[in-house]
């Protein structure tokens, strides 16, 4: 396990503690509220995240919404910029 993986594991525990402490237990995607397969969705691909501040910029999304934010739709394909915008908007709406 490399150093970045060790940091991500530590930050992951902190992020989920933040979700728990703030009562975030459902998908944060507007209009969803599902609890199926919820997981942290970061603004950037995790391979590009090297600091704690950026790692903590995440929203709790269900599997379907996470896929939609990351890969987009037939009409609006996913891009890094689109994913960054969607997650940032969700975080700002808290």
Protein backbone atom coordinates (compact mmCIF):
# COMPACT_ATOMS: atom_id res chain seq x y z
CA UNK A 1 0.00 0.00 0.00
CA UNK A 2 1.48 3.33 -1.01
CA UNK A 3 1.50 6.54 1.03
CA UNK A 4 -1.40 8.12 -0.86
CA UNK A 5 -3.61 5.08 -0.22
CA UNK A 6 -2.83 5.29 3.49
CA UNK A 7 -3.79 8.97 3.52
CA UNK A 8 -7.00 8.28 1.59
CA UNK A 9 -8.02 5.62 4.12
CA UNK A 10 -7.50 8.04 6.99
CA UNK A 11 -9.38 10.83 5.21
CA UNK A 12 -12.16 8.40 4.28
CA UNK A 13 -12.86 7.73 7.97
CA UNK A 14 -12.93 11.48 8.64
CA UNK A 15 -15.28 12.12 5.70
CA UNK A 16 -17.77 9.47 6.81
CA UNK A 17 -17.63 10.80 10.36
CA UNK A 18 -18.52 14.23 8.92
CA UNK A 19 -21.50 12.72 7.07
CA UNK A 20 -22.63 10.96 10.25
CA UNK A 21 -22.17 14.02 12.49
CA UNK A 22 -24.20 16.17 10.09
CA UNK A 23 -27.05 13.68 9.65
CA UNK A 24 -26.26 12.99 6.00
CA UNK A 25 -27.53 9.43 5.59
CA UNK A 26 -29.14 9.56 2.15
CA UNK A 27 -28.27 10.53 -1.41
CA UNK A 28 -27.67 14.28 -1.63
CA UNK A 29 -28.43 14.50 -5.36
CA UNK A 30 -31.37 16.91 -5.80
CA UNK A 31 -34.66 15.03 -5.75
CA UNK A 32 -33.24 11.58 -4.97
CA UNK A 33 -32.91 10.77 -1.22
CA UNK A 34 -32.14 7.07 -1.92
CA UNK A 35 -29.99 5.04 0.45
CA UNK A 36 -29.08 2.26 -2.00
CA UNK A 37 -25.31 1.95 -2.34
CA UNK A 38 -24.54 5.40 -0.94
CA UNK A 39 -20.88 6.37 -1.10
CA UNK A 40 -18.77 9.48 -1.22
CA UNK A 41 -18.54 11.14 -4.62
CA UNK A 42 -15.56 13.45 -4.95
CA UNK A 43 -15.31 16.51 -7.17
CA UNK A 44 -12.26 15.03 -8.85
CA UNK A 45 -11.20 11.49 -9.69
CA UNK A 46 -9.48 10.09 -6.62
CA UNK A 47 -6.27 9.47 -8.55
CA UNK A 48 -5.94 13.26 -8.88
CA UNK A 49 -6.57 14.01 -5.18
CA UNK A 50 -3.40 14.60 -3.18
CA UNK A 51 -4.52 16.73 -0.23
CA UNK A 52 -7.04 16.39 2.58
CA UNK A 53 -8.98 19.55 1.70
CA UNK A 54 -9.81 18.32 -1.79
CA UNK A 55 -10.59 14.81 -0.53
CA UNK A 56 -13.16 16.22 1.88
CA UNK A 57 -14.96 17.98 -0.98
CA UNK A 58 -17.40 15.15 -1.55
CA UNK A 59 -21.12 14.49 -1.55
CA UNK A 60 -22.88 11.34 -0.44
CA UNK A 61 -24.57 9.85 -3.52
CA UNK A 62 -26.40 6.61 -4.28
CA UNK A 63 -25.02 4.31 -6.94
CA UNK A 64 -27.30 5.59 -9.70
CA UNK A 65 -26.67 9.30 -9.01
CA UNK A 66 -22.92 8.74 -8.60
CA UNK A 67 -22.89 7.06 -12.02
CA UNK A 68 -24.93 9.93 -13.50
CA UNK A 69 -22.60 12.57 -12.02
CA UNK A 70 -19.47 10.78 -13.19
CA UNK A 71 -20.47 9.42 -16.60
CA UNK A 72 -23.32 11.68 -17.61
CA UNK A 73 -26.16 10.74 -19.93
CA UNK A 74 -26.59 10.00 -23.61
CA UNK A 75 -27.43 13.66 -24.23
CA UNK A 76 -24.86 15.13 -21.85
CA UNK A 77 -21.72 12.99 -21.58
CA UNK A 78 -19.69 13.08 -18.39
CA UNK A 79 -16.58 15.20 -18.14
CA UNK A 80 -14.29 16.08 -15.28
CA UNK A 81 -15.62 19.64 -15.35
CA UNK A 82 -19.25 18.49 -15.26
CA UNK A 83 -18.59 16.17 -12.32
CA UNK A 84 -16.74 18.97 -10.49
CA UNK A 85 -19.67 21.35 -11.02
CA UNK A 86 -22.34 18.87 -9.92
CA UNK A 87 -20.56 17.91 -6.69
CA UNK A 88 -19.64 21.52 -5.89
CA UNK A 89 -23.27 22.59 -6.34
CA UNK A 90 -24.45 19.83 -4.01
CA UNK A 91 -21.89 20.81 -1.36
CA UNK A 92 -22.82 24.50 -1.62
CA UNK A 93 -26.53 23.67 -1.22
CA UNK A 94 -26.02 21.98 2.18
